[in-house]
N, C-alpha and C. Protein backbone atom coordinates (compact mmCIF):
# COMPACT_ATOMS: atom_id res chain seq x y z
N MET A 1 3.57 -33.41 102.72
CA MET A 1 3.62 -34.65 103.48
C MET A 1 4.94 -35.39 103.25
N LEU A 2 5.34 -35.48 101.98
CA LEU A 2 6.61 -36.15 101.67
C LEU A 2 7.77 -35.41 102.32
N ASN A 3 7.73 -34.08 102.24
CA ASN A 3 8.81 -33.30 102.84
C ASN A 3 8.87 -33.51 104.35
N SER A 4 7.71 -33.63 105.00
CA SER A 4 7.69 -33.89 106.44
C SER A 4 8.31 -35.24 106.77
N ALA A 5 8.01 -36.25 105.95
CA ALA A 5 8.60 -37.58 106.16
C ALA A 5 10.11 -37.54 105.97
N LEU A 6 10.55 -36.79 104.97
CA LEU A 6 11.99 -36.67 104.73
C LEU A 6 12.68 -35.94 105.88
N GLU A 7 12.03 -34.91 106.39
CA GLU A 7 12.59 -34.18 107.54
C GLU A 7 12.68 -35.08 108.77
N LEU A 8 11.64 -35.90 108.98
CA LEU A 8 11.67 -36.85 110.10
C LEU A 8 12.81 -37.86 109.94
N LEU A 9 12.96 -38.37 108.72
CA LEU A 9 14.05 -39.31 108.45
C LEU A 9 15.40 -38.67 108.72
N GLN A 10 15.56 -37.46 108.24
CA GLN A 10 16.83 -36.74 108.40
C GLN A 10 17.11 -36.43 109.87
N ALA A 11 16.07 -36.15 110.65
CA ALA A 11 16.24 -35.84 112.07
C ALA A 11 16.33 -37.09 112.94
N SER A 12 16.12 -38.25 112.36
CA SER A 12 16.13 -39.50 113.13
C SER A 12 17.53 -39.78 113.69
N ILE A 13 17.58 -40.70 114.62
CA ILE A 13 18.86 -41.10 115.21
C ILE A 13 19.78 -41.67 114.14
N VAL A 14 19.21 -42.35 113.16
CA VAL A 14 20.04 -42.90 112.07
C VAL A 14 20.66 -41.76 111.28
N GLY A 15 19.83 -40.78 110.89
CA GLY A 15 20.35 -39.64 110.13
C GLY A 15 21.41 -38.88 110.89
N GLN A 16 21.17 -38.64 112.18
CA GLN A 16 22.15 -37.93 113.01
C GLN A 16 23.45 -38.72 113.13
N THR A 17 23.32 -40.02 113.30
CA THR A 17 24.52 -40.86 113.45
C THR A 17 25.33 -40.89 112.17
N VAL A 18 24.66 -41.06 111.04
CA VAL A 18 25.38 -41.12 109.76
C VAL A 18 26.09 -39.79 109.50
N ARG A 19 25.45 -38.67 109.84
CA ARG A 19 26.08 -37.36 109.63
C ARG A 19 27.26 -37.12 110.55
N SER A 20 27.19 -37.63 111.77
CA SER A 20 28.19 -37.24 112.77
C SER A 20 29.30 -38.27 113.01
N ALA A 21 29.10 -39.51 112.64
CA ALA A 21 30.10 -40.55 112.93
C ALA A 21 31.16 -40.55 111.83
N GLY A 22 32.34 -40.12 112.17
CA GLY A 22 33.50 -40.03 111.29
C GLY A 22 33.42 -40.65 109.91
N TYR A 23 33.74 -41.92 109.82
CA TYR A 23 33.84 -42.59 108.53
C TYR A 23 32.61 -43.41 108.17
N LEU A 24 31.55 -43.30 108.94
CA LEU A 24 30.36 -44.13 108.71
C LEU A 24 29.76 -43.90 107.33
N TYR A 25 29.67 -42.64 106.90
CA TYR A 25 29.10 -42.35 105.58
C TYR A 25 29.91 -43.05 104.49
N ALA A 26 31.22 -42.96 104.57
CA ALA A 26 32.08 -43.61 103.57
C ALA A 26 31.93 -45.13 103.59
N VAL A 27 31.81 -45.70 104.78
CA VAL A 27 31.61 -47.16 104.90
C VAL A 27 30.27 -47.55 104.30
N LEU A 28 29.22 -46.79 104.63
CA LEU A 28 27.89 -47.08 104.07
C LEU A 28 27.89 -46.94 102.54
N GLU A 29 28.56 -45.92 102.06
CA GLU A 29 28.64 -45.72 100.60
C GLU A 29 29.36 -46.88 99.93
N THR A 30 30.42 -47.37 100.54
CA THR A 30 31.15 -48.52 100.01
C THR A 30 30.27 -49.76 99.99
N LEU A 31 29.58 -50.01 101.10
CA LEU A 31 28.66 -51.16 101.16
C LEU A 31 27.52 -51.01 100.16
N HIS A 32 27.07 -49.79 99.95
CA HIS A 32 26.00 -49.54 98.97
C HIS A 32 26.48 -49.90 97.56
N VAL A 33 27.68 -49.47 97.22
CA VAL A 33 28.24 -49.80 95.90
C VAL A 33 28.40 -51.31 95.75
N LEU A 34 28.88 -51.99 96.80
CA LEU A 34 29.02 -53.45 96.74
C LEU A 34 27.66 -54.13 96.59
N GLY A 35 26.65 -53.63 97.30
CA GLY A 35 25.30 -54.17 97.16
C GLY A 35 24.77 -53.99 95.75
N ILE A 36 24.99 -52.81 95.19
CA ILE A 36 24.57 -52.53 93.81
C ILE A 36 25.30 -53.46 92.84
N ALA A 37 26.58 -53.67 93.07
CA ALA A 37 27.35 -54.57 92.20
C ALA A 37 26.79 -55.98 92.23
N LEU A 38 26.49 -56.49 93.43
CA LEU A 38 25.89 -57.82 93.54
C LEU A 38 24.52 -57.87 92.86
N LEU A 39 23.72 -56.86 93.12
CA LEU A 39 22.37 -56.81 92.57
C LEU A 39 22.39 -56.72 91.05
N ILE A 40 23.03 -55.70 90.54
CA ILE A 40 22.97 -55.46 89.10
C ILE A 40 23.84 -56.45 88.34
N GLY A 41 24.96 -56.87 88.92
CA GLY A 41 25.78 -57.89 88.25
C GLY A 41 25.01 -59.17 88.04
N SER A 42 24.30 -59.62 89.07
CA SER A 42 23.54 -60.86 88.93
C SER A 42 22.34 -60.67 88.01
N ILE A 43 21.68 -59.51 88.10
CA ILE A 43 20.55 -59.24 87.21
C ILE A 43 21.01 -59.20 85.76
N PHE A 44 22.11 -58.51 85.49
CA PHE A 44 22.60 -58.43 84.10
C PHE A 44 22.99 -59.80 83.57
N ALA A 45 23.57 -60.64 84.41
CA ALA A 45 23.93 -62.00 83.96
C ALA A 45 22.67 -62.77 83.58
N VAL A 46 21.62 -62.66 84.40
CA VAL A 46 20.35 -63.31 84.07
C VAL A 46 19.77 -62.71 82.79
N ASP A 47 19.80 -61.39 82.69
CA ASP A 47 19.26 -60.72 81.50
C ASP A 47 20.01 -61.14 80.23
N MET A 48 21.32 -61.24 80.34
CA MET A 48 22.11 -61.67 79.17
C MET A 48 21.72 -63.09 78.76
N ARG A 49 21.50 -63.95 79.75
CA ARG A 49 21.07 -65.32 79.43
C ARG A 49 19.69 -65.31 78.79
N LEU A 50 18.79 -64.45 79.28
CA LEU A 50 17.47 -64.33 78.68
C LEU A 50 17.54 -63.83 77.24
N LEU A 51 18.56 -63.03 76.96
CA LEU A 51 18.75 -62.54 75.59
C LEU A 51 19.43 -63.57 74.69
N GLY A 52 19.80 -64.71 75.26
CA GLY A 52 20.35 -65.79 74.46
C GLY A 52 21.83 -66.05 74.64
N LEU A 53 22.53 -65.19 75.35
CA LEU A 53 23.96 -65.38 75.56
C LEU A 53 24.19 -66.60 76.44
N GLY A 54 25.00 -67.52 76.00
CA GLY A 54 25.33 -68.71 76.79
C GLY A 54 24.28 -69.79 76.76
N ARG A 55 23.36 -69.74 75.80
CA ARG A 55 22.27 -70.73 75.82
C ARG A 55 22.74 -72.14 75.55
N GLN A 56 23.91 -72.32 74.93
CA GLN A 56 24.44 -73.67 74.73
C GLN A 56 25.15 -74.17 75.98
N THR A 57 25.42 -73.29 76.91
CA THR A 57 26.21 -73.64 78.09
C THR A 57 25.37 -73.88 79.34
N VAL A 58 24.41 -73.01 79.59
CA VAL A 58 23.64 -73.08 80.84
C VAL A 58 22.18 -72.72 80.58
N SER A 59 21.28 -73.43 81.24
CA SER A 59 19.85 -73.16 81.06
C SER A 59 19.44 -71.90 81.83
N VAL A 60 18.33 -71.33 81.43
CA VAL A 60 17.80 -70.17 82.14
C VAL A 60 17.46 -70.56 83.58
N THR A 61 16.87 -71.73 83.75
CA THR A 61 16.49 -72.20 85.09
C THR A 61 17.71 -72.30 86.00
N SER A 62 18.79 -72.85 85.49
CA SER A 62 20.01 -72.98 86.29
C SER A 62 20.60 -71.60 86.59
N THR A 63 20.58 -70.73 85.61
CA THR A 63 21.09 -69.37 85.80
C THR A 63 20.32 -68.67 86.91
N MET A 64 19.00 -68.77 86.85
CA MET A 64 18.16 -68.13 87.87
C MET A 64 18.39 -68.75 89.24
N ARG A 65 18.46 -70.05 89.30
CA ARG A 65 18.62 -70.75 90.58
C ARG A 65 19.92 -70.32 91.27
N HIS A 66 20.98 -70.12 90.50
CA HIS A 66 22.27 -69.76 91.10
C HIS A 66 22.40 -68.26 91.38
N LEU A 67 21.79 -67.43 90.56
CA LEU A 67 22.04 -65.99 90.69
C LEU A 67 20.98 -65.23 91.48
N LEU A 68 19.76 -65.75 91.57
CA LEU A 68 18.74 -65.02 92.34
C LEU A 68 19.12 -64.84 93.81
N PRO A 69 19.71 -65.83 94.49
CA PRO A 69 20.14 -65.58 95.87
C PRO A 69 21.16 -64.44 95.98
N VAL A 70 22.06 -64.35 95.03
CA VAL A 70 23.05 -63.25 95.00
C VAL A 70 22.32 -61.93 94.81
N CYS A 71 21.35 -61.94 93.92
CA CYS A 71 20.54 -60.75 93.66
C CYS A 71 19.83 -60.28 94.93
N TYR A 72 19.26 -61.21 95.67
CA TYR A 72 18.55 -60.85 96.91
C TYR A 72 19.49 -60.25 97.94
N VAL A 73 20.68 -60.81 98.09
CA VAL A 73 21.66 -60.26 99.04
C VAL A 73 22.04 -58.84 98.61
N GLY A 74 22.29 -58.65 97.33
CA GLY A 74 22.62 -57.32 96.82
C GLY A 74 21.49 -56.33 97.03
N PHE A 75 20.26 -56.77 96.78
CA PHE A 75 19.10 -55.91 96.94
C PHE A 75 18.95 -55.46 98.40
N ILE A 76 19.00 -56.41 99.31
CA ILE A 76 18.85 -56.08 100.74
C ILE A 76 19.96 -55.14 101.20
N THR A 77 21.19 -55.42 100.78
CA THR A 77 22.32 -54.56 101.14
C THR A 77 22.13 -53.15 100.58
N ALA A 78 21.75 -53.05 99.31
CA ALA A 78 21.58 -51.75 98.67
C ALA A 78 20.43 -50.95 99.30
N VAL A 79 19.34 -51.62 99.64
CA VAL A 79 18.20 -50.92 100.26
C VAL A 79 18.56 -50.40 101.65
N ILE A 80 19.14 -51.25 102.47
CA ILE A 80 19.47 -50.83 103.84
C ILE A 80 20.49 -49.69 103.83
N THR A 81 21.55 -49.85 103.07
CA THR A 81 22.57 -48.80 103.04
C THR A 81 22.06 -47.55 102.33
N GLY A 82 21.23 -47.73 101.30
CA GLY A 82 20.66 -46.58 100.59
C GLY A 82 19.78 -45.74 101.50
N LEU A 83 18.95 -46.40 102.30
CA LEU A 83 18.10 -45.66 103.24
C LEU A 83 18.94 -44.97 104.31
N ALA A 84 19.99 -45.62 104.77
CA ALA A 84 20.87 -44.99 105.76
C ALA A 84 21.56 -43.77 105.16
N LEU A 85 22.03 -43.89 103.92
CA LEU A 85 22.66 -42.75 103.25
C LEU A 85 21.65 -41.63 103.03
N LEU A 86 20.45 -41.98 102.62
CA LEU A 86 19.40 -40.99 102.41
C LEU A 86 19.10 -40.24 103.71
N SER A 87 19.10 -40.96 104.82
CA SER A 87 18.76 -40.34 106.11
C SER A 87 19.71 -39.21 106.48
N ALA A 88 20.93 -39.25 106.00
CA ALA A 88 21.91 -38.22 106.34
C ALA A 88 21.56 -36.87 105.73
N GLN A 89 20.99 -36.88 104.51
CA GLN A 89 20.70 -35.63 103.79
C GLN A 89 19.41 -35.76 102.99
N ALA A 90 18.37 -36.27 103.61
CA ALA A 90 17.14 -36.62 102.90
C ALA A 90 16.53 -35.47 102.12
N THR A 91 16.41 -34.30 102.73
CA THR A 91 15.76 -33.18 102.05
C THR A 91 16.59 -32.67 100.87
N MET A 92 17.90 -32.65 101.04
CA MET A 92 18.77 -32.19 99.96
C MET A 92 18.76 -33.18 98.79
N ILE A 93 18.81 -34.48 99.09
CA ILE A 93 18.80 -35.49 98.04
C ILE A 93 17.47 -35.47 97.30
N ALA A 94 16.37 -35.34 98.05
CA ALA A 94 15.05 -35.32 97.42
C ALA A 94 14.86 -34.10 96.52
N ALA A 95 15.57 -33.02 96.82
CA ALA A 95 15.47 -31.81 96.01
C ALA A 95 16.26 -31.91 94.71
N SER A 96 17.09 -32.92 94.58
CA SER A 96 17.88 -33.10 93.37
C SER A 96 16.98 -33.41 92.18
N GLY A 97 17.34 -32.89 91.04
CA GLY A 97 16.57 -33.17 89.83
C GLY A 97 16.62 -34.63 89.42
N ALA A 98 17.63 -35.35 89.88
CA ALA A 98 17.76 -36.77 89.52
C ALA A 98 16.95 -37.68 90.43
N ALA A 99 16.51 -37.18 91.59
CA ALA A 99 15.80 -38.02 92.56
C ALA A 99 14.52 -38.64 92.00
N PRO A 100 13.65 -37.86 91.33
CA PRO A 100 12.45 -38.50 90.79
C PRO A 100 12.77 -39.52 89.70
N TRP A 101 13.83 -39.29 88.96
CA TRP A 101 14.26 -40.25 87.94
C TRP A 101 14.71 -41.55 88.59
N LYS A 102 15.53 -41.42 89.64
CA LYS A 102 16.01 -42.63 90.31
C LYS A 102 14.84 -43.42 90.90
N LEU A 103 13.95 -42.74 91.59
CA LEU A 103 12.80 -43.42 92.19
C LEU A 103 11.90 -44.04 91.12
N GLY A 104 11.64 -43.28 90.07
CA GLY A 104 10.79 -43.80 88.99
C GLY A 104 11.40 -45.00 88.29
N LEU A 105 12.69 -44.95 88.04
CA LEU A 105 13.37 -46.08 87.39
C LEU A 105 13.47 -47.28 88.31
N LEU A 106 13.64 -47.05 89.62
CA LEU A 106 13.61 -48.16 90.58
C LEU A 106 12.24 -48.85 90.56
N CYS A 107 11.19 -48.03 90.52
CA CYS A 107 9.83 -48.59 90.45
C CYS A 107 9.62 -49.35 89.14
N ALA A 108 10.12 -48.79 88.03
CA ALA A 108 9.99 -49.46 86.74
C ALA A 108 10.74 -50.79 86.73
N ALA A 109 11.95 -50.80 87.29
CA ALA A 109 12.73 -52.05 87.35
C ALA A 109 12.01 -53.08 88.21
N GLY A 110 11.46 -52.65 89.34
CA GLY A 110 10.72 -53.57 90.20
C GLY A 110 9.46 -54.10 89.54
N ALA A 111 8.72 -53.23 88.86
CA ALA A 111 7.51 -53.66 88.16
C ALA A 111 7.85 -54.63 87.03
N ASN A 112 8.94 -54.36 86.33
CA ASN A 112 9.37 -55.25 85.25
C ASN A 112 9.73 -56.63 85.81
N ALA A 113 10.46 -56.66 86.92
CA ALA A 113 10.83 -57.94 87.54
C ALA A 113 9.59 -58.70 88.00
N ALA A 114 8.65 -57.99 88.62
CA ALA A 114 7.42 -58.64 89.08
C ALA A 114 6.62 -59.18 87.90
N ALA A 115 6.50 -58.38 86.84
CA ALA A 115 5.76 -58.83 85.66
C ALA A 115 6.42 -60.07 85.05
N PHE A 116 7.75 -60.08 85.00
CA PHE A 116 8.45 -61.24 84.45
C PHE A 116 8.19 -62.48 85.30
N HIS A 117 8.39 -62.36 86.61
CA HIS A 117 8.26 -63.53 87.48
C HIS A 117 6.82 -64.03 87.60
N LEU A 118 5.86 -63.13 87.47
CA LEU A 118 4.45 -63.53 87.56
C LEU A 118 3.86 -63.88 86.20
N GLY A 119 4.57 -63.51 85.14
CA GLY A 119 4.07 -63.76 83.78
C GLY A 119 4.92 -64.75 83.02
N THR A 120 5.66 -64.24 82.06
CA THR A 120 6.47 -65.07 81.17
C THR A 120 7.40 -66.02 81.91
N GLY A 121 8.02 -65.55 82.97
CA GLY A 121 9.00 -66.36 83.70
C GLY A 121 8.43 -67.58 84.39
N ARG A 122 7.13 -67.62 84.59
CA ARG A 122 6.52 -68.77 85.27
C ARG A 122 6.71 -70.06 84.48
N GLY A 123 6.83 -69.96 83.17
CA GLY A 123 6.97 -71.16 82.35
C GLY A 123 8.39 -71.48 81.95
N MET A 124 9.38 -70.91 82.63
CA MET A 124 10.77 -71.08 82.19
C MET A 124 11.26 -72.53 82.25
N ALA A 125 10.68 -73.35 83.09
CA ALA A 125 11.10 -74.76 83.16
C ALA A 125 10.80 -75.48 81.85
N GLN A 126 9.85 -74.99 81.09
CA GLN A 126 9.49 -75.61 79.82
C GLN A 126 10.25 -75.03 78.63
N TRP A 127 11.11 -74.06 78.85
CA TRP A 127 11.79 -73.43 77.74
C TRP A 127 12.86 -74.31 77.12
N GLY A 128 13.30 -75.31 77.80
CA GLY A 128 14.34 -76.18 77.27
C GLY A 128 15.73 -75.68 77.63
N GLU A 129 16.66 -76.60 77.59
CA GLU A 129 18.03 -76.30 78.01
C GLU A 129 18.73 -75.27 77.12
N ALA A 130 18.68 -75.45 75.82
CA ALA A 130 19.46 -74.59 74.93
C ALA A 130 18.59 -73.69 74.06
N SER A 131 17.31 -73.58 74.39
CA SER A 131 16.43 -72.81 73.53
C SER A 131 16.54 -71.31 73.82
N MET A 132 16.10 -70.54 72.84
CA MET A 132 16.02 -69.10 73.01
C MET A 132 14.74 -68.82 73.81
N PRO A 133 14.82 -68.03 74.88
CA PRO A 133 13.62 -67.72 75.66
C PRO A 133 12.57 -67.01 74.79
N PRO A 134 11.32 -67.02 75.24
CA PRO A 134 10.25 -66.36 74.48
C PRO A 134 10.51 -64.87 74.30
N PHE A 135 9.83 -64.31 73.33
CA PHE A 135 9.98 -62.90 72.97
C PHE A 135 9.80 -61.98 74.18
N PHE A 136 8.74 -62.20 74.95
CA PHE A 136 8.47 -61.30 76.08
C PHE A 136 9.51 -61.43 77.19
N ALA A 137 10.15 -62.56 77.31
CA ALA A 137 11.25 -62.70 78.27
C ALA A 137 12.44 -61.86 77.82
N ARG A 138 12.68 -61.84 76.53
CA ARG A 138 13.78 -61.03 75.99
C ARG A 138 13.48 -59.54 76.13
N VAL A 139 12.21 -59.17 75.91
CA VAL A 139 11.81 -57.77 76.10
C VAL A 139 12.01 -57.37 77.56
N ALA A 140 11.61 -58.24 78.49
CA ALA A 140 11.80 -57.96 79.92
C ALA A 140 13.27 -57.78 80.24
N ALA A 141 14.14 -58.58 79.62
CA ALA A 141 15.59 -58.46 79.85
C ALA A 141 16.10 -57.10 79.36
N LEU A 142 15.67 -56.68 78.19
CA LEU A 142 16.09 -55.37 77.67
C LEU A 142 15.58 -54.23 78.55
N LEU A 143 14.33 -54.34 78.99
CA LEU A 143 13.78 -53.32 79.89
C LEU A 143 14.54 -53.29 81.21
N SER A 144 14.89 -54.45 81.72
CA SER A 144 15.64 -54.56 82.97
C SER A 144 17.01 -53.88 82.84
N ILE A 145 17.73 -54.21 81.80
CA ILE A 145 19.05 -53.61 81.58
C ILE A 145 18.93 -52.09 81.48
N SER A 146 17.92 -51.62 80.74
CA SER A 146 17.73 -50.18 80.57
C SER A 146 17.37 -49.51 81.90
N ALA A 147 16.42 -50.09 82.62
CA ALA A 147 15.98 -49.48 83.88
C ALA A 147 17.11 -49.44 84.90
N TRP A 148 17.83 -50.55 85.08
CA TRP A 148 18.89 -50.58 86.09
C TRP A 148 20.06 -49.68 85.71
N THR A 149 20.35 -49.56 84.41
CA THR A 149 21.39 -48.62 83.98
C THR A 149 20.95 -47.20 84.31
N GLY A 150 19.68 -46.90 84.09
CA GLY A 150 19.15 -45.59 84.43
C GLY A 150 19.18 -45.31 85.92
N VAL A 151 18.88 -46.32 86.74
CA VAL A 151 18.94 -46.16 88.20
C VAL A 151 20.35 -45.77 88.63
N VAL A 152 21.34 -46.47 88.10
CA VAL A 152 22.73 -46.17 88.46
C VAL A 152 23.11 -44.77 88.00
N LEU A 153 22.76 -44.41 86.77
CA LEU A 153 23.07 -43.08 86.25
C LEU A 153 22.39 -42.00 87.09
N ALA A 154 21.11 -42.18 87.39
CA ALA A 154 20.40 -41.20 88.20
C ALA A 154 21.01 -41.09 89.59
N GLY A 155 21.42 -42.21 90.16
CA GLY A 155 22.08 -42.19 91.47
C GLY A 155 23.38 -41.40 91.43
N GLN A 156 24.12 -41.56 90.36
CA GLN A 156 25.37 -40.82 90.23
C GLN A 156 25.14 -39.33 90.00
N MET A 157 23.98 -38.99 89.43
CA MET A 157 23.66 -37.59 89.15
C MET A 157 23.06 -36.85 90.34
N LEU A 158 22.69 -37.57 91.40
CA LEU A 158 22.04 -36.92 92.55
C LEU A 158 22.79 -35.69 93.07
N PRO A 159 24.11 -35.74 93.25
CA PRO A 159 24.79 -34.55 93.79
C PRO A 159 24.94 -33.40 92.79
N TYR A 160 24.67 -33.66 91.52
CA TYR A 160 24.99 -32.67 90.49
C TYR A 160 23.77 -31.98 89.89
N THR A 161 22.56 -32.39 90.29
CA THR A 161 21.38 -31.79 89.66
C THR A 161 20.48 -31.12 90.68
């Protein structure tokens, strides 16, 4: 069933266009990298603040308020361009040994973010301006850094495994 969906994606007008339009793949790849930079750069900055870096300078609430919109733009850009890139060679990419790792780590990063925002992160307004965030917020930050680093590594390994 998954293979059929991948074949449909690859045979779609998007897949055909990405494969056949001169520099489109390179443009999409560039936009994908920029989306990842916005996404992971803003996430890592938030994670570093959750780990205590800069706690005398900026509150967690302020950090989140300023960086989450950047994160959302990066996420949307990375998803749209990632799906377009996948459509060009869906079956070949899915056959890569790194593909299940990338998908699994993306799911882990998403689950970690959801757990943080629905759990520990709900009380961040009460953490205080210069205080160290709670233990579970710091654990979520370490898990986030690990998962997103793994996503990038797995993405880079797709053509080689």
